[in-house]
Amino acid sequence: MSNRCLLIVDVQEGLFSTPRYDSKALIARLNRLAARFRAEGSRVIYVQHCGPEGDALHSSEPGHALFSALEPEPDDLRVAKESCDAFLNTSLAATLADLGATQLIVTGFATEFCVDTTIRSALAHGFETIVPEDGHTTADRPHLSARQVIEHHNATWPWLISPVGGAKMMRCADII
């Protein structure tokens, strides 16, 4: 068993029903990356946002489901969250401790919200954190295009200050 885990954050029907920047290619990269992790004995963890009752991401709603183009396997783990931080009031930290994980590869949606917050939290929790620069996406925003948001965050994450340094940036294909 490896000491690293792949986190796939908020790639859910309710968030991908509207096309996202580079989403088709992103999903293909995430599926390949997940297959590589499973083949080496590393765990894949899908983090799913759970909205309040009546919200499209509530656990009883179709929008809560993993995006249909993902290829999860029965042994993959799932963590439910209710905020942008996949660690806050969730089972993630305990799950990672039980697995002996020391390194996280963080991917998913949305770059500037849940992906960013989870990366910062992972670093604060002392995890060596790798972010595939082509492993996350977002939507166009009123002030910036999705591509600009992604480029900004890819340039910012390596400079974060934490006990283990900033995030290490790589392309999905280079994560072995």
C-alpha atoms as a PDB file:
ATOM      1  CA  MET A   1       0.000   0.000   0.000  1.00  0.00           C
ATOM      2  CA  SER A   2       1.282   3.426  -0.962  1.00  0.00           C
ATOM      3  CA  ASN A   3       1.449   6.429   1.353  1.00  0.00           C
ATOM      4  CA  ARG A   4      -0.282   8.689  -1.163  1.00  0.00           C
ATOM      5  CA  CYS A   5      -3.903   9.299  -2.075  1.00  0.00           C
ATOM      6  CA  LEU A   6      -5.666  10.929  -4.998  1.00  0.00           C
ATOM      7  CA  LEU A   7      -8.451  13.337  -4.027  1.00  0.00           C
ATOM      8  CA  ILE A   8     -11.062  14.125  -6.673  1.00  0.00           C
ATOM      9  CA  VAL A   9     -13.085  17.030  -5.301  1.00  0.00           C
ATOM     10  CA  ASP A  10     -16.667  17.893  -6.273  1.00  0.00           C
ATOM     11  CA  VAL A  11     -16.810  16.351  -9.735  1.00  0.00           C
ATOM     12  CA  GLN A  12     -20.561  15.892  -9.435  1.00  0.00           C
ATOM     13  CA  GLU A  13     -23.549  15.896 -11.768  1.00  0.00           C
ATOM     14  CA  GLY A  14     -24.951  19.115 -10.316  1.00  0.00           C
ATOM     15  CA  LEU A  15     -21.686  20.947 -10.951  1.00  0.00           C
ATOM     16  CA  PHE A  16     -20.851  19.515 -14.378  1.00  0.00           C
ATOM     17  CA  SER A  17     -24.312  19.648 -15.940  1.00  0.00           C
ATOM     18  CA  THR A  18     -23.101  22.977 -17.368  1.00  0.00           C
ATOM     19  CA  PRO A  19     -19.925  22.465 -19.374  1.00  0.00           C
ATOM     20  CA  ARG A  20     -16.795  23.570 -17.527  1.00  0.00           C
ATOM     21  CA  TYR A  21     -13.495  24.726 -18.951  1.00  0.00           C
ATOM     22  CA  ASP A  22     -11.666  21.777 -20.550  1.00  0.00           C
ATOM     23  CA  SER A  23     -14.040  19.403 -18.748  1.00  0.00           C
ATOM     24  CA  LYS A  24     -14.056  16.554 -21.286  1.00  0.00           C
ATOM     25  CA  ALA A  25     -10.253  16.343 -21.370  1.00  0.00           C
ATOM     26  CA  LEU A  26     -10.065  16.891 -17.603  1.00  0.00           C
ATOM     27  CA  ILE A  27     -12.346  13.932 -16.880  1.00  0.00           C
ATOM     28  CA  ALA A  28     -10.251  11.717 -19.168  1.00  0.00           C
ATOM     29  CA  ARG A  29      -7.085  12.795 -17.323  1.00  0.00           C
ATOM     30  CA  LEU A  30      -8.692  12.166 -13.923  1.00  0.00           C
ATOM     31  CA  ASN A  31      -9.850   8.693 -14.977  1.00  0.00           C
ATOM     32  CA  ARG A  32      -6.337   7.812 -16.208  1.00  0.00           C
ATOM     33  CA  LEU A  33      -4.766   9.177 -13.040  1.00  0.00           C
ATOM     34  CA  ALA A  34      -7.201   7.222 -10.852  1.00  0.00           C
ATOM     35  CA  ALA A  35      -6.437   4.016 -12.781  1.00  0.00           C
ATOM     36  CA  ARG A  36      -2.697   4.576 -12.221  1.00  0.00           C
ATOM     37  CA  PHE A  37      -3.223   5.094  -8.502  1.00  0.00           C
ATOM     38  CA  ARG A  38      -5.281   1.934  -8.157  1.00  0.00           C
ATOM     39  CA  ALA A  39      -2.687  -0.062 -10.129  1.00  0.00           C
ATOM     40  CA  GLU A  40       0.075   0.984  -7.728  1.00  0.00           C
ATOM     41  CA  GLY A  41      -2.038   0.214  -4.657  1.00  0.00           C
ATOM     42  CA  SER A  42      -2.803   3.841  -3.793  1.00  0.00           C
ATOM     43  CA  ARG A  43      -6.276   4.955  -2.789  1.00  0.00           C
ATOM     44  CA  VAL A  44      -8.641   7.158  -4.746  1.00  0.00           C
ATOM     45  CA  ILE A  45     -10.962   9.325  -2.665  1.00  0.00           C
ATOM     46  CA  TYR A  46     -13.952  11.114  -4.148  1.00  0.00           C
ATOM     47  CA  VAL A  47     -14.973  14.157  -2.108  1.00  0.00           C
ATOM     48  CA  GLN A  48     -18.597  15.142  -2.647  1.00  0.00           C
ATOM     49  CA  HIS A  49     -20.224  18.369  -1.597  1.00  0.00           C
ATOM     50  CA  CYS A  50     -23.502  17.901   0.272  1.00  0.00           C
ATOM     51  CA  GLY A  51     -25.813  20.879   0.148  1.00  0.00           C
ATOM     52  CA  PRO A  52     -28.681  21.553   2.552  1.00  0.00           C
ATOM     53  CA  GLU A  53     -32.113  20.047   2.022  1.00  0.00           C
ATOM     54  CA  GLY A  54     -33.650  21.426  -1.167  1.00  0.00           C
ATOM     55  CA  ASP A  55     -30.228  22.171  -2.712  1.00  0.00           C
ATOM     56  CA  ALA A  56     -29.260  20.488  -6.006  1.00  0.00           C
ATOM     57  CA  LEU A  57     -26.235  18.954  -4.227  1.00  0.00           C
ATOM     58  CA  HIS A  58     -28.205  17.512  -1.293  1.00  0.00           C
ATOM     59  CA  SER A  59     -27.414  13.818  -0.915  1.00  0.00           C
ATOM     60  CA  SER A  60     -30.960  12.880  -1.971  1.00  0.00           C
ATOM     61  CA  GLU A  61     -30.758  14.861  -5.229  1.00  0.00           C
ATOM     62  CA  PRO A  62     -29.453  13.649  -8.625  1.00  0.00           C
ATOM     63  CA  GLY A  63     -26.940  16.518  -8.678  1.00  0.00           C
ATOM     64  CA  HIS A  64     -25.079  15.002  -5.722  1.00  0.00           C
ATOM     65  CA  ALA A  65     -24.008  11.933  -7.723  1.00  0.00           C
ATOM     66  CA  LEU A  66     -20.515  11.665  -9.132  1.00  0.00           C
ATOM     67  CA  PHE A  67     -20.353  12.990 -12.680  1.00  0.00           C
ATOM     68  CA  SER A  68     -21.378  10.181 -15.022  1.00  0.00           C
ATOM     69  CA  ALA A  69     -18.167  10.334 -17.086  1.00  0.00           C
ATOM     70  CA  LEU A  70     -16.034   9.437 -14.041  1.00  0.00           C
ATOM     71  CA  GLU A  71     -15.073   5.780 -13.652  1.00  0.00           C
ATOM     72  CA  PRO A  72     -15.095   5.046  -9.910  1.00  0.00           C
ATOM     73  CA  GLU A  73     -14.318   1.546  -8.678  1.00  0.00           C
ATOM     74  CA  PRO A  74     -16.031  -0.207  -5.737  1.00  0.00           C
ATOM     75  CA  ASP A  75     -12.912   0.055  -3.533  1.00  0.00           C
ATOM     76  CA  ASP A  76     -12.604   3.814  -4.001  1.00  0.00           C
ATOM     77  CA  LEU A  77     -13.471   5.838  -0.932  1.00  0.00           C
ATOM     78  CA  ARG A  78     -15.941   8.696  -0.603  1.00  0.00           C
ATOM     79  CA  VAL A  79     -15.991  11.620   1.785  1.00  0.00           C
ATOM     80  CA  ALA A  80     -18.965  13.927   2.241  1.00  0.00           C
ATOM     81  CA  LYS A  81     -18.353  17.596   2.996  1.00  0.00           C
ATOM     82  CA  GLU A  82     -20.536  20.625   3.649  1.00  0.00           C
ATOM     83  CA  SER A  83     -18.027  23.442   3.122  1.00  0.00           C
ATOM     84  CA  CYS A  84     -15.214  24.340   0.727  1.00  0.00           C
ATOM     85  CA  ASP A  85     -12.718  22.545   2.994  1.00  0.00           C
ATOM     86  CA  ALA A  86     -12.663  18.752   2.523  1.00  0.00           C
ATOM     87  CA  PHE A  87     -11.099  18.440   6.006  1.00  0.00           C
ATOM     88  CA  LEU A  88     -13.538  20.595   7.992  1.00  0.00           C
ATOM     89  CA  ASN A  89     -16.025  18.460   9.959  1.00  0.00           C
ATOM     90  CA  THR A  90     -15.480  15.432   7.697  1.00  0.00           C
ATOM     91  CA  SER A  91     -13.953  11.980   7.970  1.00  0.00           C
ATOM     92  CA  LEU A  92     -11.065  12.869   5.626  1.00  0.00           C
ATOM     93  CA  ALA A  93      -8.296  13.439   8.206  1.00  0.00           C
ATOM     94  CA  ALA A  94      -9.142  10.222  10.068  1.00  0.00           C
ATOM     95  CA  THR A  95      -9.376   8.259   6.820  1.00  0.00           C
ATOM     96  CA  LEU A  96      -5.973   9.531   5.684  1.00  0.00           C
ATOM     97  CA  ALA A  97      -4.464   8.721   9.094  1.00  0.00           C
ATOM     98  CA  ASP A  98      -5.876   5.180   8.934  1.00  0.00           C
ATOM     99  CA  LEU A  99      -4.341   4.787   5.459  1.00  0.00           C
ATOM    100  CA  GLY A 100      -0.971   6.135   6.604  1.00  0.00           C
ATOM    101  CA  ALA A 101      -1.127   8.785   3.881  1.00  0.00           C
ATOM    102  CA  THR A 102       1.546  11.466   3.841  1.00  0.00           C
ATOM    103  CA  GLN A 103       1.113  12.742   0.286  1.00  0.00           C
ATOM    104  CA  LEU A 104      -2.058  14.007  -1.394  1.00  0.00           C
ATOM    105  CA  ILE A 105      -2.693  14.731  -5.034  1.00  0.00           C
ATOM    106  CA  VAL A 106      -5.608  17.193  -5.161  1.00  0.00           C
ATOM    107  CA  THR A 107      -7.806  17.546  -8.249  1.00  0.00           C
ATOM    108  CA  GLY A 108     -11.357  18.558  -9.098  1.00  0.00           C
ATOM    109  CA  PHE A 109     -13.766  21.504  -9.173  1.00  0.00           C
ATOM    110  CA  ALA A 110     -13.865  24.487  -8.564  1.00  0.00           C
ATOM    111  CA  THR A 111     -10.307  25.730  -8.742  1.00  0.00           C
ATOM    112  CA  GLU A 112     -10.837  28.898  -6.699  1.00  0.00           C
ATOM    113  CA  PHE A 113     -13.251  27.443  -4.173  1.00  0.00           C
ATOM    114  CA  CYS A 114     -13.142  23.846  -2.938  1.00  0.00           C
ATOM    115  CA  VAL A 115      -9.919  22.816  -4.688  1.00  0.00           C
ATOM    116  CA  ASP A 116      -8.052  25.864  -3.374  1.00  0.00           C
ATOM    117  CA  THR A 117      -9.409  25.539   0.161  1.00  0.00           C
ATOM    118  CA  THR A 118      -8.658  21.809   0.293  1.00  0.00           C
ATOM    119  CA  ILE A 119      -5.088  22.372  -0.948  1.00  0.00           C
ATOM    120  CA  ARG A 120      -4.472  25.009   1.712  1.00  0.00           C
ATOM    121  CA  SER A 121      -5.981  22.785   4.388  1.00  0.00           C
ATOM    122  CA  ALA A 122      -3.947  19.760   3.276  1.00  0.00           C
ATOM    123  CA  LEU A 123      -0.754  21.802   3.569  1.00  0.00           C
ATOM    124  CA  ALA A 124      -1.806  23.121   6.990  1.00  0.00           C
ATOM    125  CA  HIS A 125      -2.410  19.516   8.085  1.00  0.00           C
ATOM    126  CA  GLY A 126       1.170  18.689   7.081  1.00  0.00           C
ATOM    127  CA  PHE A 127       0.522  16.688   3.923  1.00  0.00           C
ATOM    128  CA  GLU A 128       2.952  16.882   1.050  1.00  0.00           C
ATOM    129  CA  THR A 129       0.559  18.199  -1.567  1.00  0.00           C
ATOM    130  CA  ILE A 130       0.846  17.802  -5.318  1.00  0.00           C
ATOM    131  CA  VAL A 131      -1.526  19.630  -7.623  1.00  0.00           C
ATOM    132  CA  PRO A 132      -1.775  18.617 -11.260  1.00  0.00           C
ATOM    133  CA  GLU A 133      -1.858  21.928 -13.099  1.00  0.00           C
ATOM    134  CA  ASP A 134      -4.220  20.295 -15.608  1.00  0.00           C
ATOM    135  CA  GLY A 135      -6.187  18.394 -12.961  1.00  0.00           C
ATOM    136  CA  HIS A 136      -8.728  21.012 -11.882  1.00  0.00           C
ATOM    137  CA  THR A 137     -11.216  23.328 -13.532  1.00  0.00           C
ATOM    138  CA  THR A 138     -13.745  26.056 -12.946  1.00  0.00           C
ATOM    139  CA  ALA A 139     -16.215  28.239 -14.816  1.00  0.00           C
ATOM    140  CA  ASP A 140     -15.795  31.649 -16.361  1.00  0.00           C
ATOM    141  CA  ARG A 141     -16.392  34.336 -13.751  1.00  0.00           C
ATOM    142  CA  PRO A 142     -17.567  37.922 -14.286  1.00  0.00           C
ATOM    143  CA  HIS A 143     -14.061  39.306 -13.726  1.00  0.00           C
ATOM    144  CA  LEU A 144     -11.841  36.503 -15.102  1.00  0.00           C
ATOM    145  CA  SER A 145     -12.042  33.647 -17.573  1.00  0.00           C
ATOM    146  CA  ALA A 146     -11.792  30.094 -16.235  1.00  0.00           C
ATOM    147  CA  ARG A 147      -8.366  29.819 -17.840  1.00  0.00           C
ATOM    148  CA  GLN A 148      -7.174  32.944 -16.020  1.00  0.00           C
ATOM    149  CA  VAL A 149      -8.470  31.637 -12.690  1.00  0.00           C
ATOM    150  CA  ILE A 150      -6.662  28.326 -13.231  1.00  0.00           C
ATOM    151  CA  GLU A 151      -3.411  29.996 -14.301  1.00  0.00           C
ATOM    152  CA  HIS A 152      -3.497  32.328 -11.288  1.00  0.00           C
ATOM    153  CA  HIS A 153      -3.980  29.480  -8.812  1.00  0.00           C
ATOM    154  CA  ASN A 154      -1.366  27.291 -10.494  1.00  0.00           C
ATOM    155  CA  ALA A 155       1.104  30.165 -10.045  1.00  0.00           C
ATOM    156  CA  THR A 156       0.062  30.855  -6.428  1.00  0.00           C
ATOM    157  CA  TRP A 157      -0.041  27.397  -4.800  1.00  0.00           C
ATOM    158  CA  PRO A 158       3.721  26.693  -4.914  1.00  0.00           C
ATOM    159  CA  TRP A 159       4.325  29.885  -2.898  1.00  0.00           C
ATOM    160  CA  LEU A 160       2.046  29.014   0.022  1.00  0.00           C
ATOM    161  CA  ILE A 161       3.804  28.884   3.369  1.00  0.00           C
ATOM    162  CA  SER A 162       3.222  25.741   5.424  1.00  0.00           C
ATOM    163  CA  PRO A 163       5.197  23.254   7.544  1.00  0.00           C
ATOM    164  CA  VAL A 164       5.819  21.191   4.380  1.00  0.00           C
ATOM    165  CA  GLY A 165       6.293  24.078   1.941  1.00  0.00           C
ATOM    166  CA  GLY A 166       3.988  24.998  -0.900  1.00  0.00           C
ATOM    167  CA  ALA A 167       2.159  22.713  -3.239  1.00  0.00           C
ATOM    168  CA  LYS A 168       4.196  20.955  -5.900  1.00  0.00           C
ATOM    169  CA  MET A 169       2.854  21.488  -9.396  1.00  0.00           C
ATOM    170  CA  MET A 170       2.956  18.802 -12.098  1.00  0.00           C
ATOM    171  CA  ARG A 171       0.942  17.719 -15.105  1.00  0.00           C
ATOM    172  CA  CYS A 172      -1.382  14.719 -14.688  1.00  0.00           C
ATOM    173  CA  ALA A 173       0.694  12.694 -17.155  1.00  0.00           C
ATOM    174  CA  ASP A 174       3.859  13.282 -15.102  1.00  0.00           C
ATOM    175  CA  ILE A 175       2.471  11.980 -11.824  1.00  0.00           C
ATOM    176  CA  ILE A 176       3.820   8.460 -11.592  1.00  0.00           C
END
